[in-house]
Amino acid sequence: MSRVDVIKELYCVIQDRKENPVEGSYTNYLFEKGLDKILKKVGEESTEVIIAAKNKDNEEITNEICDLTYHLLVLMAQNGVSIEKVREELEKRREKIGNKKKERREIEQL
């Protein structure tokens, strides 16, 4: 299973929890508390990634990035943003980056 598939699978589980609540589920707890709670968790996890990076602890960084990714996926599900939509936007941005590189090369050749 590819890494992207793992993220898609997690997003599907999160979507399922939103549509079919499971008692005792942390994901459902976040949805029940609403957007402010989800945003608070995204902020907390972002800060923890920064601290882990400052501590230069790759295991901690990995764990905190996983926590942040999960909470970002919950935020996406809460707001109806699909993984496909994010992928499409990243592809558009990648094309822009490629165009800028091409433009710079052309300017440098002049």
Protein backbone atom coordinates (compact mmCIF):
# COMPACT_ATOMS: atom_id res chain seq x y z
CA MET A 1 0.00 0.00 0.00
CA SER A 2 1.45 3.38 -0.96
CA ARG A 3 1.72 6.30 1.44
CA VAL A 4 -0.96 8.17 -0.47
CA ASP A 5 -3.29 5.21 -0.07
CA VAL A 6 -2.77 5.29 3.70
CA ILE A 7 -3.74 8.95 3.82
CA LYS A 8 -6.76 8.35 1.58
CA GLU A 9 -7.78 5.40 3.74
CA LEU A 10 -7.50 7.49 6.90
CA TYR A 11 -9.54 10.25 5.29
CA CYS A 12 -12.22 7.69 4.38
CA VAL A 13 -12.34 6.47 7.98
CA ILE A 14 -12.67 10.07 9.18
CA GLN A 15 -15.46 10.72 6.66
CA ASP A 16 -17.20 7.54 7.77
CA ARG A 17 -17.02 8.62 11.43
CA LYS A 18 -18.56 11.95 10.48
CA GLU A 19 -21.43 10.24 8.67
CA ASN A 20 -21.74 7.22 11.01
CA PRO A 21 -20.70 8.21 14.53
CA VAL A 22 -19.08 5.57 16.71
CA GLU A 23 -19.44 5.93 20.46
CA GLY A 24 -16.10 6.62 22.15
CA SER A 25 -14.40 7.63 18.89
CA TYR A 26 -11.92 10.49 19.23
CA THR A 27 -12.78 11.55 15.69
CA ASN A 28 -16.44 11.81 16.63
CA TYR A 29 -15.49 13.77 19.73
CA LEU A 30 -13.77 16.33 17.49
CA PHE A 31 -16.76 16.57 15.17
CA GLU A 32 -19.14 16.92 18.12
CA LYS A 33 -17.05 19.75 19.61
CA GLY A 34 -16.97 21.49 16.25
CA LEU A 35 -14.68 23.67 14.20
CA ASP A 36 -13.15 25.62 17.09
CA LYS A 37 -11.94 22.41 18.76
CA ILE A 38 -10.59 21.04 15.49
CA LEU A 39 -8.74 24.30 14.81
CA LYS A 40 -7.33 24.30 18.34
CA LYS A 41 -5.95 20.79 17.78
CA VAL A 42 -4.45 21.77 14.40
CA GLY A 43 -2.74 24.70 16.13
CA GLU A 44 -1.47 22.56 19.00
CA GLU A 45 -0.13 19.89 16.66
CA SER A 46 1.55 22.51 14.45
CA THR A 47 3.33 23.89 17.50
CA GLU A 48 4.39 20.39 18.55
CA VAL A 49 5.90 19.80 15.08
CA ILE A 50 7.88 23.03 15.46
CA ILE A 51 9.13 22.06 18.92
CA ALA A 52 10.11 18.59 17.73
CA ALA A 53 12.01 20.11 14.82
CA LYS A 54 13.80 22.54 17.16
CA ASN A 55 14.74 19.55 19.34
CA LYS A 56 16.12 17.80 16.23
CA ASP A 57 14.37 14.57 17.24
CA ASN A 58 13.34 12.84 14.02
CA GLU A 59 11.19 10.24 15.76
CA GLU A 60 9.30 12.98 17.60
CA ILE A 61 9.03 15.01 14.38
CA THR A 62 7.56 12.00 12.57
CA ASN A 63 5.04 11.34 15.35
CA GLU A 64 3.96 14.98 15.52
CA ILE A 65 3.64 15.25 11.73
CA CYS A 66 1.36 12.19 11.85
CA ASP A 67 -0.75 13.86 14.53
CA LEU A 68 -0.91 17.09 12.53
CA THR A 69 -1.82 15.23 9.34
CA TYR A 70 -4.66 13.43 11.11
CA HIS A 71 -6.06 16.68 12.49
CA LEU A 72 -5.73 18.39 9.10
CA LEU A 73 -7.71 15.52 7.56
CA VAL A 74 -10.41 16.01 10.22
CA LEU A 75 -10.46 19.73 9.37
CA MET A 76 -10.77 18.88 5.68
CA ALA A 77 -13.66 16.50 6.34
CA GLN A 78 -15.37 19.05 8.58
CA ASN A 79 -15.24 21.61 5.77
CA GLY A 80 -15.94 19.28 2.86
CA VAL A 81 -12.46 19.55 1.33
CA SER A 82 -11.51 16.33 -0.42
CA ILE A 83 -8.08 14.82 -0.82
CA GLU A 84 -8.68 15.00 -4.57
CA LYS A 85 -9.20 18.78 -4.35
CA VAL A 86 -5.93 19.20 -2.44
CA ARG A 87 -4.11 16.96 -4.94
CA GLU A 88 -5.46 19.02 -7.85
CA GLU A 89 -4.29 22.26 -6.22
CA LEU A 90 -0.84 20.81 -5.54
CA GLU A 91 -0.60 19.76 -9.19
CA LYS A 92 -1.51 23.29 -10.31
CA ARG A 93 1.18 24.69 -8.04
CA ARG A 94 3.73 22.19 -9.30
CA GLU A 95 3.00 23.34 -12.86
CA LYS A 96 3.55 26.96 -11.80
CA ILE A 97 6.87 26.04 -10.18
CA GLY A 98 7.93 24.32 -13.40
CA ASN A 99 6.93 27.37 -15.43
CA LYS A 100 8.91 29.69 -13.16
CA LYS A 101 11.98 27.48 -13.50
CA LYS A 102 11.59 27.51 -17.26
CA GLU A 103 11.21 31.31 -17.26
CA ARG A 104 14.35 31.69 -15.12
CA ARG A 105 16.35 29.44 -17.44
CA GLU A 106 15.21 31.44 -20.45
CA ILE A 107 16.18 34.72 -18.75
CA GLU A 108 19.55 33.30 -17.72
CA GLN A 109 20.25 32.27 -21.34
CA LEU A 110 19.72 35.85 -22.56
